[in-house]
Amino acid sequence: MPKQSGIKIAAANRKARHDYFIEDRYECGIVLVGTEVKSIRAGQLNLKDSYGTIKNGELFLVGMHISPYDKGNIFNHDPFRPRKLLAHAREIRKLKALREVEGYSLVPLSVYFKEGKVKVELAVAKGKKLYDKRAATAERDERREMERSIKLSDVRR
């Protein structure tokens, strides 16, 4: 079977961009078992409230929900089990050092297929305060209003 080329996004964590300032991004592989890949291909996963953690020099993704495969059998997986992420040792050491800095967390931004393999985009992020979220929302609304007025002025000509 030939390898697939390109990137196909399976799930995106849109709330992460709302709740965090994204500092740095990393691409990691993920260790999956049984029918998890089939569930991901069917879009049966949720990144909400998931985060990355480091234990014994290994990187794990905790809280990601992958629904059991519909046509699976008794060997289906636990939907919330921690999943190991694959990254180089130097990247894990760097992430550990960044995570120890106060206010930083490891947040998954998306899960996607790249050349037939499942990848996770992991971000080093700093939490936003409520006033930061309000300012971002106000800026977005202002930008939309400006684009709307430009579009209306072009139509009137």
C-alpha atoms as a PDB file:
ATOM      1  CA  MET A   1       0.000   0.000   0.000  1.00  0.00           C
ATOM      2  CA  PRO A   2       1.542   3.378  -0.982  1.00  0.00           C
ATOM      3  CA  LYS A   3       2.160   5.997   1.665  1.00  0.00           C
ATOM      4  CA  GLN A   4      -0.235   8.911   1.801  1.00  0.00           C
ATOM      5  CA  SER A   5       1.299  12.301   1.193  1.00  0.00           C
ATOM      6  CA  GLY A   6       0.247  15.579   2.732  1.00  0.00           C
ATOM      7  CA  ILE A   7      -1.320  16.492   6.042  1.00  0.00           C
ATOM      8  CA  LYS A   8      -4.895  15.706   7.078  1.00  0.00           C
ATOM      9  CA  ILE A   9      -6.039  17.285  10.334  1.00  0.00           C
ATOM     10  CA  ALA A  10      -8.035  14.866  12.496  1.00  0.00           C
ATOM     11  CA  ALA A  11      -8.775  17.266  15.379  1.00  0.00           C
ATOM     12  CA  ALA A  12      -7.825  20.775  16.439  1.00  0.00           C
ATOM     13  CA  ASN A  13      -7.877  22.290  19.910  1.00  0.00           C
ATOM     14  CA  ARG A  14      -9.326  25.711  19.061  1.00  0.00           C
ATOM     15  CA  LYS A  15      -9.914  26.531  22.716  1.00  0.00           C
ATOM     16  CA  ALA A  16      -6.157  26.361  23.375  1.00  0.00           C
ATOM     17  CA  ARG A  17      -5.538  29.458  21.240  1.00  0.00           C
ATOM     18  CA  HIS A  18      -8.240  31.255  23.228  1.00  0.00           C
ATOM     19  CA  ASP A  19      -6.958  30.218  26.670  1.00  0.00           C
ATOM     20  CA  TYR A  20      -3.173  30.402  26.099  1.00  0.00           C
ATOM     21  CA  PHE A  21      -0.431  32.474  24.520  1.00  0.00           C
ATOM     22  CA  ILE A  22       1.400  30.008  22.256  1.00  0.00           C
ATOM     23  CA  GLU A  23       5.169  30.352  22.724  1.00  0.00           C
ATOM     24  CA  ASP A  24       6.683  27.398  20.842  1.00  0.00           C
ATOM     25  CA  ARG A  25       5.428  24.367  18.890  1.00  0.00           C
ATOM     26  CA  TYR A  26       6.723  20.811  18.569  1.00  0.00           C
ATOM     27  CA  GLU A  27       5.677  17.908  16.370  1.00  0.00           C
ATOM     28  CA  CYS A  28       5.560  14.569  18.182  1.00  0.00           C
ATOM     29  CA  GLY A  29       4.613  11.055  17.224  1.00  0.00           C
ATOM     30  CA  ILE A  30       2.167   9.191  19.442  1.00  0.00           C
ATOM     31  CA  VAL A  31       2.048   5.576  20.627  1.00  0.00           C
ATOM     32  CA  LEU A  32      -1.378   4.104  19.883  1.00  0.00           C
ATOM     33  CA  VAL A  33      -2.801   0.633  20.461  1.00  0.00           C
ATOM     34  CA  GLY A  34      -5.398  -1.526  18.741  1.00  0.00           C
ATOM     35  CA  THR A  35      -8.212   0.318  17.064  1.00  0.00           C
ATOM     36  CA  GLU A  36      -7.242   3.853  18.135  1.00  0.00           C
ATOM     37  CA  VAL A  37      -6.004   4.821  14.657  1.00  0.00           C
ATOM     38  CA  LYS A  38      -9.320   3.744  13.119  1.00  0.00           C
ATOM     39  CA  SER A  39     -11.193   5.851  15.681  1.00  0.00           C
ATOM     40  CA  ILE A  40      -8.958   8.839  14.900  1.00  0.00           C
ATOM     41  CA  ARG A  41      -9.543   8.399  11.154  1.00  0.00           C
ATOM     42  CA  ALA A  42     -13.281   8.451  11.886  1.00  0.00           C
ATOM     43  CA  GLY A  43     -12.813  11.729  13.819  1.00  0.00           C
ATOM     44  CA  GLN A  44     -13.736  10.207  17.174  1.00  0.00           C
ATOM     45  CA  LEU A  45     -11.286  12.126  19.378  1.00  0.00           C
ATOM     46  CA  ASN A  46     -11.387  15.164  21.623  1.00  0.00           C
ATOM     47  CA  LEU A  47      -8.438  17.298  22.741  1.00  0.00           C
ATOM     48  CA  LYS A  48     -10.410  19.472  25.154  1.00  0.00           C
ATOM     49  CA  ASP A  49      -8.851  19.611  28.648  1.00  0.00           C
ATOM     50  CA  SER A  50      -5.839  17.517  27.600  1.00  0.00           C
ATOM     51  CA  TYR A  51      -2.264  18.425  28.476  1.00  0.00           C
ATOM     52  CA  GLY A  52       1.282  17.143  28.200  1.00  0.00           C
ATOM     53  CA  THR A  53       3.351  15.929  31.124  1.00  0.00           C
ATOM     54  CA  ILE A  54       6.825  14.508  31.617  1.00  0.00           C
ATOM     55  CA  LYS A  55       7.418  11.419  33.792  1.00  0.00           C
ATOM     56  CA  ASN A  56      10.761   9.639  34.117  1.00  0.00           C
ATOM     57  CA  GLY A  57      12.162  11.431  31.072  1.00  0.00           C
ATOM     58  CA  GLU A  58       9.209  10.418  28.881  1.00  0.00           C
ATOM     59  CA  LEU A  59       6.548  12.680  27.416  1.00  0.00           C
ATOM     60  CA  PHE A  60       2.860  11.765  27.903  1.00  0.00           C
ATOM     61  CA  LEU A  61      -0.428  13.221  26.712  1.00  0.00           C
ATOM     62  CA  VAL A  62      -3.066  13.058  29.453  1.00  0.00           C
ATOM     63  CA  GLY A  63      -6.799  13.648  29.070  1.00  0.00           C
ATOM     64  CA  MET A  64      -7.153  13.113  25.329  1.00  0.00           C
ATOM     65  CA  HIS A  65     -10.330  11.150  24.628  1.00  0.00           C
ATOM     66  CA  ILE A  66     -10.357   8.650  21.754  1.00  0.00           C
ATOM     67  CA  SER A  67     -13.735   6.909  21.545  1.00  0.00           C
ATOM     68  CA  PRO A  68     -13.736   3.114  21.269  1.00  0.00           C
ATOM     69  CA  TYR A  69     -14.001   1.940  17.672  1.00  0.00           C
ATOM     70  CA  ASP A  70     -17.603   1.098  16.701  1.00  0.00           C
ATOM     71  CA  LYS A  71     -16.725  -2.139  14.943  1.00  0.00           C
ATOM     72  CA  GLY A  72     -14.122  -3.131  17.512  1.00  0.00           C
ATOM     73  CA  ASN A  73     -14.288  -6.085  19.848  1.00  0.00           C
ATOM     74  CA  ILE A  74     -13.285  -6.862  23.430  1.00  0.00           C
ATOM     75  CA  PHE A  75      -9.795  -5.556  22.690  1.00  0.00           C
ATOM     76  CA  ASN A  76     -10.941  -1.922  22.448  1.00  0.00           C
ATOM     77  CA  HIS A  77      -8.857   0.595  24.388  1.00  0.00           C
ATOM     78  CA  ASP A  78      -9.536   2.765  27.437  1.00  0.00           C
ATOM     79  CA  PRO A  79     -10.686   6.153  26.014  1.00  0.00           C
ATOM     80  CA  PHE A  80      -8.811   8.324  28.551  1.00  0.00           C
ATOM     81  CA  ARG A  81      -5.569   6.377  29.032  1.00  0.00           C
ATOM     82  CA  PRO A  82      -2.345   8.452  29.057  1.00  0.00           C
ATOM     83  CA  ARG A  83      -0.602   8.155  25.688  1.00  0.00           C
ATOM     84  CA  LYS A  84       3.147   8.296  25.231  1.00  0.00           C
ATOM     85  CA  LEU A  85       4.459  10.952  22.845  1.00  0.00           C
ATOM     86  CA  LEU A  86       7.565  10.323  20.779  1.00  0.00           C
ATOM     87  CA  ALA A  87      10.162  13.083  20.748  1.00  0.00           C
ATOM     88  CA  HIS A  88      13.940  13.350  20.825  1.00  0.00           C
ATOM     89  CA  ALA A  89      15.567  13.284  24.276  1.00  0.00           C
ATOM     90  CA  ARG A  90      16.967  16.801  23.831  1.00  0.00           C
ATOM     91  CA  GLU A  91      13.479  18.103  22.990  1.00  0.00           C
ATOM     92  CA  ILE A  92      12.037  16.425  26.087  1.00  0.00           C
ATOM     93  CA  ARG A  93      14.769  17.979  28.262  1.00  0.00           C
ATOM     94  CA  LYS A  94      14.050  21.385  26.722  1.00  0.00           C
ATOM     95  CA  LEU A  95      10.296  20.970  27.300  1.00  0.00           C
ATOM     96  CA  LYS A  96      10.926  19.925  30.904  1.00  0.00           C
ATOM     97  CA  ALA A  97      13.044  23.034  31.506  1.00  0.00           C
ATOM     98  CA  LEU A  98      10.413  25.283  29.908  1.00  0.00           C
ATOM     99  CA  ARG A  99       7.595  23.621  31.840  1.00  0.00           C
ATOM    100  CA  GLU A 100       9.343  24.235  35.158  1.00  0.00           C
ATOM    101  CA  VAL A 101       9.185  27.964  34.470  1.00  0.00           C
ATOM    102  CA  GLU A 102       6.148  29.304  36.292  1.00  0.00           C
ATOM    103  CA  GLY A 103       2.995  29.680  34.241  1.00  0.00           C
ATOM    104  CA  TYR A 104       3.969  27.486  31.265  1.00  0.00           C
ATOM    105  CA  SER A 105       2.120  24.328  30.239  1.00  0.00           C
ATOM    106  CA  LEU A 106       2.265  21.766  27.458  1.00  0.00           C
ATOM    107  CA  VAL A 107      -0.932  21.948  25.416  1.00  0.00           C
ATOM    108  CA  PRO A 108      -1.836  19.861  22.341  1.00  0.00           C
ATOM    109  CA  LEU A 109      -2.955  22.080  19.451  1.00  0.00           C
ATOM    110  CA  SER A 110      -3.887  19.440  16.900  1.00  0.00           C
ATOM    111  CA  VAL A 111      -3.760  15.784  15.930  1.00  0.00           C
ATOM    112  CA  TYR A 112      -3.140  15.077  12.264  1.00  0.00           C
ATOM    113  CA  PHE A 113      -1.991  12.473   9.768  1.00  0.00           C
ATOM    114  CA  LYS A 114       1.341  13.131   8.082  1.00  0.00           C
ATOM    115  CA  GLU A 115       2.435  10.593   5.471  1.00  0.00           C
ATOM    116  CA  GLY A 116       0.087   8.020   7.009  1.00  0.00           C
ATOM    117  CA  LYS A 117       1.380   8.465  10.587  1.00  0.00           C
ATOM    118  CA  VAL A 118      -0.509  10.121  13.452  1.00  0.00           C
ATOM    119  CA  LYS A 119       1.261  13.224  14.778  1.00  0.00           C
ATOM    120  CA  VAL A 120       0.473  15.622  17.637  1.00  0.00           C
ATOM    121  CA  GLU A 121       1.335  19.324  17.544  1.00  0.00           C
ATOM    122  CA  LEU A 122       2.334  20.168  21.115  1.00  0.00           C
ATOM    123  CA  ALA A 123       2.766  23.775  22.238  1.00  0.00           C
ATOM    124  CA  VAL A 124       4.573  25.407  25.123  1.00  0.00           C
ATOM    125  CA  ALA A 125       1.954  27.900  26.249  1.00  0.00           C
ATOM    126  CA  LYS A 126       1.381  30.495  28.940  1.00  0.00           C
ATOM    127  CA  GLY A 127      -2.120  30.914  30.356  1.00  0.00           C
ATOM    128  CA  LYS A 128      -4.118  34.037  29.519  1.00  0.00           C
ATOM    129  CA  LYS A 129      -5.825  36.093  32.168  1.00  0.00           C
ATOM    130  CA  LEU A 130      -9.477  37.071  31.766  1.00  0.00           C
ATOM    131  CA  TYR A 131      -8.599  40.607  30.648  1.00  0.00           C
ATOM    132  CA  ASP A 132      -6.288  39.179  27.941  1.00  0.00           C
ATOM    133  CA  LYS A 133      -9.161  37.083  26.610  1.00  0.00           C
ATOM    134  CA  ARG A 134     -11.459  40.120  26.581  1.00  0.00           C
ATOM    135  CA  ALA A 135      -8.868  42.198  24.732  1.00  0.00           C
ATOM    136  CA  ALA A 136      -8.383  39.455  22.121  1.00  0.00           C
ATOM    137  CA  THR A 137     -12.157  39.176  21.612  1.00  0.00           C
ATOM    138  CA  ALA A 138     -12.506  42.964  21.267  1.00  0.00           C
ATOM    139  CA  GLU A 139      -9.631  43.082  18.761  1.00  0.00           C
ATOM    140  CA  ARG A 140     -11.175  40.254  16.702  1.00  0.00           C
ATOM    141  CA  ASP A 141     -14.595  41.960  16.681  1.00  0.00           C
ATOM    142  CA  GLU A 142     -13.013  45.267  15.661  1.00  0.00           C
ATOM    143  CA  ARG A 143     -11.134  43.587  12.796  1.00  0.00           C
ATOM    144  CA  ARG A 144     -14.355  41.906  11.585  1.00  0.00           C
ATOM    145  CA  GLU A 145     -16.251  45.204  11.708  1.00  0.00           C
ATOM    146  CA  MET A 146     -13.497  46.929   9.711  1.00  0.00           C
ATOM    147  CA  GLU A 147     -13.541  44.182   7.053  1.00  0.00           C
ATOM    148  CA  ARG A 148     -17.343  44.373   6.905  1.00  0.00           C
ATOM    149  CA  SER A 149     -17.290  48.145   6.360  1.00  0.00           C
ATOM    150  CA  ILE A 150     -14.612  47.824   3.651  1.00  0.00           C
ATOM    151  CA  LYS A 151     -16.674  45.161   1.901  1.00  0.00           C
ATOM    152  CA  LEU A 152     -19.806  47.368   2.065  1.00  0.00           C
ATOM    153  CA  SER A 153     -17.945  50.389   0.673  1.00  0.00           C
ATOM    154  CA  ASP A 154     -16.648  48.265  -2.244  1.00  0.00           C
ATOM    155  CA  VAL A 155     -20.174  47.062  -3.033  1.00  0.00           C
ATOM    156  CA  ARG A 156     -21.583  50.609  -3.076  1.00  0.00           C
ATOM    157  CA  ARG A 157     -19.128  51.802  -5.745  1.00  0.00           C
END
